Amino acid sequence: MSVCFAADIEPLFRPHDIACMQGMGVLLNDYGYMSDAAGDDTFPDHANARHVYARLTGAEHPRMPMGGPFWSDAQLALFNQWMTDGFMA
């Protein structure tokens, strides 16, 4: 079964996480933002989602969620699967 943003990914972000990252221009609860296919200097495609994932894993800073608790391996795998499945709504 495919992983979808609305049903599987968005609910993983707490209201505090959404508000905190919105202040940095990162729209965790906005499918259009999270699924944007545009790349940047770091990622050739879907840079917004890939930067969020990198922050969730600690590969980029600030690590998310700020102050923890950090996502479990299962949650990270689900986000990664969402990207692999094609950023489904």
Protein backbone atom coordinates (compact mmCIF):
# COMPACT_ATOMS: atom_id res chain seq x y z
CA MET A 1 0.00 0.00 0.00
CA SER A 2 1.31 3.46 -0.91
CA VAL A 3 2.14 5.99 1.76
CA CYS A 4 0.12 9.22 1.46
CA PHE A 5 0.87 12.63 2.89
CA ALA A 6 -2.56 13.41 4.36
CA ALA A 7 -3.12 10.03 6.01
CA ASP A 8 0.40 8.95 6.95
CA ILE A 9 2.90 11.83 7.01
CA GLU A 10 1.14 15.03 8.07
CA PRO A 11 -0.24 13.42 11.28
CA LEU A 12 3.34 12.68 12.41
CA PHE A 13 4.05 16.39 12.82
CA ARG A 14 2.86 17.84 16.12
CA PRO A 15 1.23 21.30 16.13
CA HIS A 16 4.31 22.64 17.94
CA ASP A 17 6.60 21.25 15.20
CA ILE A 18 4.45 22.82 12.48
CA ALA A 19 4.45 26.23 14.18
CA CYS A 20 8.16 26.14 14.95
CA MET A 21 9.25 25.24 11.43
CA GLN A 22 6.73 27.63 9.83
CA GLY A 23 8.72 30.42 11.46
CA MET A 24 11.71 29.19 9.42
CA GLY A 25 9.70 29.05 6.19
CA VAL A 26 9.21 25.28 6.29
CA LEU A 27 5.53 24.35 5.82
CA LEU A 28 5.27 20.85 7.27
CA ASN A 29 1.49 20.62 6.95
CA ASP A 30 1.28 21.98 3.39
CA TYR A 31 1.19 19.21 0.79
CA GLY A 32 1.99 21.65 -2.03
CA TYR A 33 5.14 22.77 -0.25
CA MET A 34 6.18 19.30 0.86
CA SER A 35 5.63 17.70 -2.55
CA ASP A 36 7.12 20.52 -4.64
CA ALA A 37 9.25 18.81 -7.30
CA ALA A 38 11.78 21.65 -7.48
CA GLY A 39 15.35 20.91 -6.56
CA ASP A 40 18.14 23.06 -5.17
CA ASP A 41 21.92 22.99 -4.80
CA THR A 42 21.71 20.00 -2.45
CA PHE A 43 18.91 17.87 -3.93
CA PRO A 44 18.07 17.65 -7.65
CA ASP A 45 14.36 17.18 -6.96
CA HIS A 46 11.79 17.53 -4.17
CA ALA A 47 14.22 19.58 -2.14
CA ASN A 48 11.67 20.70 0.48
CA ALA A 49 10.74 17.16 1.50
CA ARG A 50 14.31 15.92 1.27
CA HIS A 51 15.57 18.73 3.53
CA VAL A 52 12.82 17.93 6.04
CA TYR A 53 13.88 14.26 5.99
CA ALA A 54 17.53 15.26 6.43
CA ARG A 55 16.56 17.35 9.47
CA LEU A 56 14.50 14.49 10.87
CA THR A 57 17.47 12.12 10.59
CA GLY A 58 19.95 14.66 11.95
CA ALA A 59 21.89 14.89 8.67
CA GLU A 60 20.98 18.62 8.58
CA HIS A 61 20.55 21.12 11.38
CA PRO A 62 18.59 22.21 13.21
CA ARG A 63 17.48 18.67 13.85
CA MET A 64 13.75 18.12 13.91
CA PRO A 65 11.73 18.10 15.94
CA MET A 66 13.62 20.81 17.74
CA GLY A 67 14.38 19.66 21.27
CA GLY A 68 13.10 16.13 20.54
CA PRO A 69 11.83 13.61 21.04
CA PHE A 70 13.25 12.58 17.70
CA TRP A 71 11.38 10.34 15.31
CA SER A 72 11.63 6.58 15.63
CA ASP A 73 13.20 4.43 12.92
CA ALA A 74 9.68 3.34 11.91
CA GLN A 75 8.53 6.95 11.46
CA LEU A 76 11.64 7.80 9.46
CA ALA A 77 11.10 4.72 7.29
CA LEU A 78 7.50 5.79 6.67
CA PHE A 79 8.59 9.28 5.55
CA ASN A 80 11.27 7.74 3.34
CA GLN A 81 8.69 5.37 1.85
CA TRP A 82 6.42 8.34 1.11
CA MET A 83 9.24 9.86 -0.93
CA THR A 84 10.00 6.54 -2.63
CA ASP A 85 6.31 6.03 -3.48
CA GLY A 86 6.25 9.33 -5.35
CA PHE A 87 5.14 11.96 -2.81
CA MET A 88 1.48 10.91 -2.93
CA ALA A 89 -1.16 13.26 -1.59
